[in-house]
Amino acid sequence: MISAIVLINADVDRIPEVAQAIAELEGVTEVYSVTGDVDLVAMVRVREHDEFADVIADRLNKVDGVVGTQTHIAFRTYSRHDLEAAFSLGVDG
């Protein structure tokens, strides 16, 4: 899977509705309401790069209430689960 982090500015009066609509899109795995320079952060995961255009440009950006987005495509994904699995290789339990 290929991951992208999408920073979203939304109509302030509609943040919960915008977040829910984005969360329902295929390819979107999580949506977070956050503090700071953006209103929402969405995690998008697809099998091929070309699918980002379908999910982000064709659907997410067109959700009513989305004012603007910035997309960051991940080179690699690191997680606690991945690191624990790597360090436990060859260790009997």
N, C-alpha and C. Protein backbone atom coordinates (compact mmCIF):
# COMPACT_ATOMS: atom_id res chain seq x y z
N MET A 1 0.83 -1.19 0.00
CA MET A 1 0.00 0.00 0.00
C MET A 1 0.88 1.25 0.00
N ILE A 2 0.40 2.27 -0.68
CA ILE A 2 1.07 3.55 -0.72
C ILE A 2 0.23 4.52 0.10
N SER A 3 0.88 5.30 0.94
CA SER A 3 0.16 6.19 1.85
C SER A 3 0.38 7.64 1.49
N ALA A 4 -0.66 8.44 1.74
CA ALA A 4 -0.55 9.88 1.61
C ALA A 4 -1.22 10.52 2.81
N ILE A 5 -0.65 11.63 3.25
CA ILE A 5 -1.22 12.42 4.32
C ILE A 5 -1.78 13.67 3.65
N VAL A 6 -3.08 13.90 3.84
CA VAL A 6 -3.72 15.04 3.20
C VAL A 6 -4.13 16.04 4.27
N LEU A 7 -3.57 17.24 4.19
CA LEU A 7 -3.92 18.33 5.10
C LEU A 7 -5.07 19.10 4.47
N ILE A 8 -6.13 19.30 5.23
CA ILE A 8 -7.37 19.84 4.66
C ILE A 8 -7.83 21.07 5.42
N ASN A 9 -8.11 22.12 4.67
CA ASN A 9 -8.79 23.29 5.21
C ASN A 9 -10.25 23.16 4.82
N ALA A 10 -11.12 23.38 5.82
CA ALA A 10 -12.56 23.19 5.59
C ALA A 10 -13.33 24.41 6.06
N ASP A 11 -14.55 24.51 5.58
CA ASP A 11 -15.48 25.53 6.07
C ASP A 11 -15.65 25.28 7.56
N VAL A 12 -15.26 26.24 8.38
CA VAL A 12 -15.22 26.08 9.83
C VAL A 12 -16.57 25.66 10.41
N ASP A 13 -17.65 26.12 9.84
CA ASP A 13 -18.98 25.78 10.35
C ASP A 13 -19.40 24.36 10.01
N ARG A 14 -18.63 23.68 9.16
CA ARG A 14 -19.02 22.35 8.69
C ARG A 14 -17.97 21.28 8.92
N ILE A 15 -17.00 21.53 9.78
CA ILE A 15 -15.89 20.59 9.96
C ILE A 15 -16.37 19.16 10.27
N PRO A 16 -17.28 18.95 11.21
CA PRO A 16 -17.69 17.56 11.48
C PRO A 16 -18.33 16.87 10.27
N GLU A 17 -19.16 17.60 9.53
CA GLU A 17 -19.81 17.02 8.36
C GLU A 17 -18.81 16.74 7.24
N VAL A 18 -17.87 17.65 7.05
CA VAL A 18 -16.83 17.46 6.04
C VAL A 18 -15.98 16.25 6.40
N ALA A 19 -15.59 16.15 7.67
CA ALA A 19 -14.76 15.03 8.13
C ALA A 19 -15.49 13.71 7.89
N GLN A 20 -16.77 13.65 8.21
CA GLN A 20 -17.53 12.41 8.03
C GLN A 20 -17.64 12.04 6.55
N ALA A 21 -17.89 13.02 5.70
CA ALA A 21 -17.99 12.76 4.26
C ALA A 21 -16.67 12.25 3.70
N ILE A 22 -15.57 12.82 4.15
CA ILE A 22 -14.25 12.37 3.69
C ILE A 22 -13.97 10.96 4.21
N ALA A 23 -14.30 10.68 5.45
CA ALA A 23 -14.06 9.38 6.05
C ALA A 23 -14.79 8.26 5.31
N GLU A 24 -15.88 8.59 4.65
CA GLU A 24 -16.67 7.59 3.92
C GLU A 24 -16.13 7.29 2.52
N LEU A 25 -15.14 8.06 2.07
CA LEU A 25 -14.58 7.84 0.74
C LEU A 25 -13.71 6.59 0.71
N GLU A 26 -13.84 5.80 -0.34
CA GLU A 26 -12.97 4.63 -0.51
C GLU A 26 -11.53 5.10 -0.67
N GLY A 27 -10.63 4.48 0.06
CA GLY A 27 -9.22 4.86 0.03
C GLY A 27 -8.82 5.70 1.22
N VAL A 28 -9.78 6.33 1.88
CA VAL A 28 -9.50 7.12 3.08
C VAL A 28 -9.64 6.19 4.28
N THR A 29 -8.56 6.08 5.06
CA THR A 29 -8.59 5.15 6.20
C THR A 29 -8.87 5.85 7.53
N GLU A 30 -8.45 7.08 7.68
CA GLU A 30 -8.72 7.85 8.90
C GLU A 30 -8.84 9.32 8.54
N VAL A 31 -9.60 10.04 9.37
CA VAL A 31 -9.67 11.49 9.28
C VAL A 31 -9.57 12.02 10.71
N TYR A 32 -8.68 12.97 10.92
CA TYR A 32 -8.48 13.55 12.23
C TYR A 32 -8.84 15.03 12.20
N SER A 33 -9.56 15.49 13.21
CA SER A 33 -9.78 16.90 13.44
C SER A 33 -8.62 17.36 14.30
N VAL A 34 -7.90 18.40 13.85
CA VAL A 34 -6.65 18.79 14.51
C VAL A 34 -6.60 20.28 14.79
N THR A 35 -5.64 20.65 15.64
CA THR A 35 -5.36 22.06 15.87
C THR A 35 -4.24 22.48 14.94
N GLY A 36 -4.04 23.77 14.78
CA GLY A 36 -2.93 24.26 13.97
C GLY A 36 -3.40 24.94 12.70
N ASP A 37 -2.58 24.85 11.67
CA ASP A 37 -2.82 25.58 10.43
C ASP A 37 -3.88 24.94 9.53
N VAL A 38 -4.24 23.70 9.80
CA VAL A 38 -5.26 23.02 9.00
C VAL A 38 -6.36 22.52 9.94
N ASP A 39 -7.49 22.18 9.35
CA ASP A 39 -8.64 21.74 10.14
C ASP A 39 -8.71 20.22 10.29
N LEU A 40 -8.33 19.52 9.23
CA LEU A 40 -8.43 18.07 9.20
C LEU A 40 -7.18 17.46 8.59
N VAL A 41 -6.87 16.24 9.00
CA VAL A 41 -5.80 15.46 8.38
C VAL A 41 -6.41 14.12 7.99
N ALA A 42 -6.26 13.75 6.73
CA ALA A 42 -6.79 12.47 6.25
C ALA A 42 -5.64 11.57 5.84
N MET A 43 -5.75 10.30 6.17
CA MET A 43 -4.80 9.29 5.72
C MET A 43 -5.44 8.57 4.54
N VAL A 44 -4.74 8.55 3.43
CA VAL A 44 -5.23 7.89 2.22
C VAL A 44 -4.25 6.77 1.89
N ARG A 45 -4.81 5.59 1.65
CA ARG A 45 -3.96 4.44 1.30
C ARG A 45 -4.52 3.78 0.05
N VAL A 46 -3.65 3.63 -0.96
CA VAL A 46 -4.04 3.03 -2.23
C VAL A 46 -2.97 2.04 -2.67
N ARG A 47 -3.29 1.23 -3.67
CA ARG A 47 -2.34 0.23 -4.16
C ARG A 47 -1.37 0.81 -5.19
N GLU A 48 -1.82 1.78 -5.99
CA GLU A 48 -0.97 2.37 -7.03
C GLU A 48 -1.08 3.88 -7.02
N HIS A 49 0.01 4.57 -7.38
CA HIS A 49 0.04 6.04 -7.36
C HIS A 49 -1.11 6.67 -8.13
N ASP A 50 -1.46 6.10 -9.26
CA ASP A 50 -2.52 6.69 -10.08
C ASP A 50 -3.84 6.81 -9.33
N GLU A 51 -4.05 5.95 -8.34
CA GLU A 51 -5.30 5.98 -7.58
C GLU A 51 -5.41 7.23 -6.71
N PHE A 52 -4.29 7.87 -6.39
CA PHE A 52 -4.36 9.10 -5.61
C PHE A 52 -5.18 10.16 -6.33
N ALA A 53 -5.05 10.24 -7.63
CA ALA A 53 -5.84 11.21 -8.40
C ALA A 53 -7.33 10.95 -8.25
N ASP A 54 -7.72 9.68 -8.28
CA ASP A 54 -9.13 9.33 -8.12
C ASP A 54 -9.64 9.71 -6.74
N VAL A 55 -8.88 9.35 -5.72
CA VAL A 55 -9.34 9.57 -4.35
C VAL A 55 -9.25 11.04 -3.95
N ILE A 56 -8.10 11.65 -4.18
CA ILE A 56 -7.86 13.00 -3.67
C ILE A 56 -8.40 14.07 -4.61
N ALA A 57 -7.94 14.07 -5.84
CA ALA A 57 -8.34 15.13 -6.77
C ALA A 57 -9.80 15.01 -7.21
N ASP A 58 -10.23 13.80 -7.51
CA ASP A 58 -11.57 13.62 -8.06
C ASP A 58 -12.68 13.53 -7.02
N ARG A 59 -12.35 13.10 -5.80
CA ARG A 59 -13.41 12.93 -4.80
C ARG A 59 -13.21 13.80 -3.56
N LEU A 60 -12.08 13.65 -2.87
CA LEU A 60 -11.87 14.38 -1.62
C LEU A 60 -11.93 15.89 -1.83
N ASN A 61 -11.24 16.39 -2.83
CA ASN A 61 -11.24 17.84 -3.09
C ASN A 61 -12.60 18.38 -3.47
N LYS A 62 -13.50 17.51 -3.89
CA LYS A 62 -14.84 17.94 -4.31
C LYS A 62 -15.90 17.79 -3.23
N VAL A 63 -15.50 17.34 -2.05
CA VAL A 63 -16.45 17.25 -0.93
C VAL A 63 -16.89 18.67 -0.58
N ASP A 64 -18.19 18.86 -0.48
CA ASP A 64 -18.74 20.17 -0.14
C ASP A 64 -18.20 20.62 1.21
N GLY A 65 -17.58 21.78 1.25
CA GLY A 65 -17.00 22.30 2.49
C GLY A 65 -15.49 22.24 2.53
N VAL A 66 -14.86 21.51 1.60
CA VAL A 66 -13.39 21.49 1.52
C VAL A 66 -12.96 22.77 0.82
N VAL A 67 -12.11 23.53 1.50
CA VAL A 67 -11.65 24.81 0.97
C VAL A 67 -10.30 24.65 0.25
N GLY A 68 -9.45 23.77 0.76
CA GLY A 68 -8.15 23.56 0.14
C GLY A 68 -7.46 22.36 0.76
N THR A 69 -6.49 21.80 0.02
CA THR A 69 -5.74 20.65 0.53
C THR A 69 -4.27 20.76 0.18
N GLN A 70 -3.45 20.05 0.95
CA GLN A 70 -2.04 19.83 0.65
C GLN A 70 -1.81 18.34 0.83
N THR A 71 -1.18 17.70 -0.15
CA THR A 71 -0.97 16.26 -0.08
C THR A 71 0.52 15.95 0.04
N HIS A 72 0.83 15.05 0.97
CA HIS A 72 2.19 14.58 1.19
C HIS A 72 2.20 13.07 1.00
N ILE A 73 2.89 12.60 -0.03
CA ILE A 73 2.97 11.17 -0.29
C ILE A 73 4.15 10.60 0.49
N ALA A 74 3.90 9.52 1.20
CA ALA A 74 4.92 8.91 2.05
C ALA A 74 5.87 8.05 1.23
N PHE A 75 7.17 8.16 1.51
CA PHE A 75 8.17 7.29 0.90
C PHE A 75 8.14 5.92 1.57
N ARG A 76 8.13 5.95 2.90
CA ARG A 76 8.10 4.72 3.70
C ARG A 76 7.16 4.96 4.88
N THR A 77 6.63 3.87 5.40
CA THR A 77 5.78 3.95 6.58
C THR A 77 6.47 3.23 7.72
N TYR A 78 6.61 3.92 8.84
CA TYR A 78 7.18 3.33 10.04
C TYR A 78 6.10 3.34 11.11
N SER A 79 5.98 2.27 11.84
CA SER A 79 5.03 2.24 12.96
C SER A 79 5.62 1.42 14.08
N ARG A 80 5.08 1.59 15.24
CA ARG A 80 5.54 0.82 16.40
C ARG A 80 5.42 -0.68 16.11
N HIS A 81 4.32 -1.07 15.49
CA HIS A 81 4.08 -2.48 15.15
C HIS A 81 5.19 -2.99 14.22
N ASP A 82 5.53 -2.22 13.20
CA ASP A 82 6.58 -2.63 12.26
C ASP A 82 7.93 -2.75 12.95
N LEU A 83 8.26 -1.80 13.82
CA LEU A 83 9.54 -1.82 14.51
C LEU A 83 9.63 -2.99 15.48
N GLU A 84 8.54 -3.25 16.22
CA GLU A 84 8.55 -4.39 17.15
C GLU A 84 8.74 -5.70 16.40
N ALA A 85 8.09 -5.84 15.24
CA ALA A 85 8.23 -7.06 14.45
C ALA A 85 9.66 -7.22 13.96
N ALA A 86 10.28 -6.13 13.53
CA ALA A 86 11.66 -6.20 13.03
C ALA A 86 12.63 -6.58 14.13
N PHE A 87 12.47 -6.03 15.33
CA PHE A 87 13.39 -6.31 16.41
C PHE A 87 13.16 -7.67 17.04
N SER A 88 11.99 -8.27 16.79
CA SER A 88 11.72 -9.57 17.40
C SER A 88 12.07 -10.74 16.48
N LEU A 89 12.59 -10.44 15.31
CA LEU A 89 12.98 -11.52 14.40
C LEU A 89 14.03 -12.41 15.03
N GLY A 90 13.79 -13.71 15.03
CA GLY A 90 14.76 -14.64 15.56
C GLY A 90 14.73 -14.79 17.07
N VAL A 91 13.84 -14.06 17.73
CA VAL A 91 13.75 -14.15 19.17
C VAL A 91 12.60 -15.08 19.54
N ASP A 92 12.89 -16.10 20.29
CA ASP A 92 11.85 -17.02 20.73
C ASP A 92 11.25 -16.52 22.03
N GLY A 93 9.94 -16.62 22.08
CA GLY A 93 9.24 -16.05 23.09
C GLY A 93 8.91 -16.32 24.38
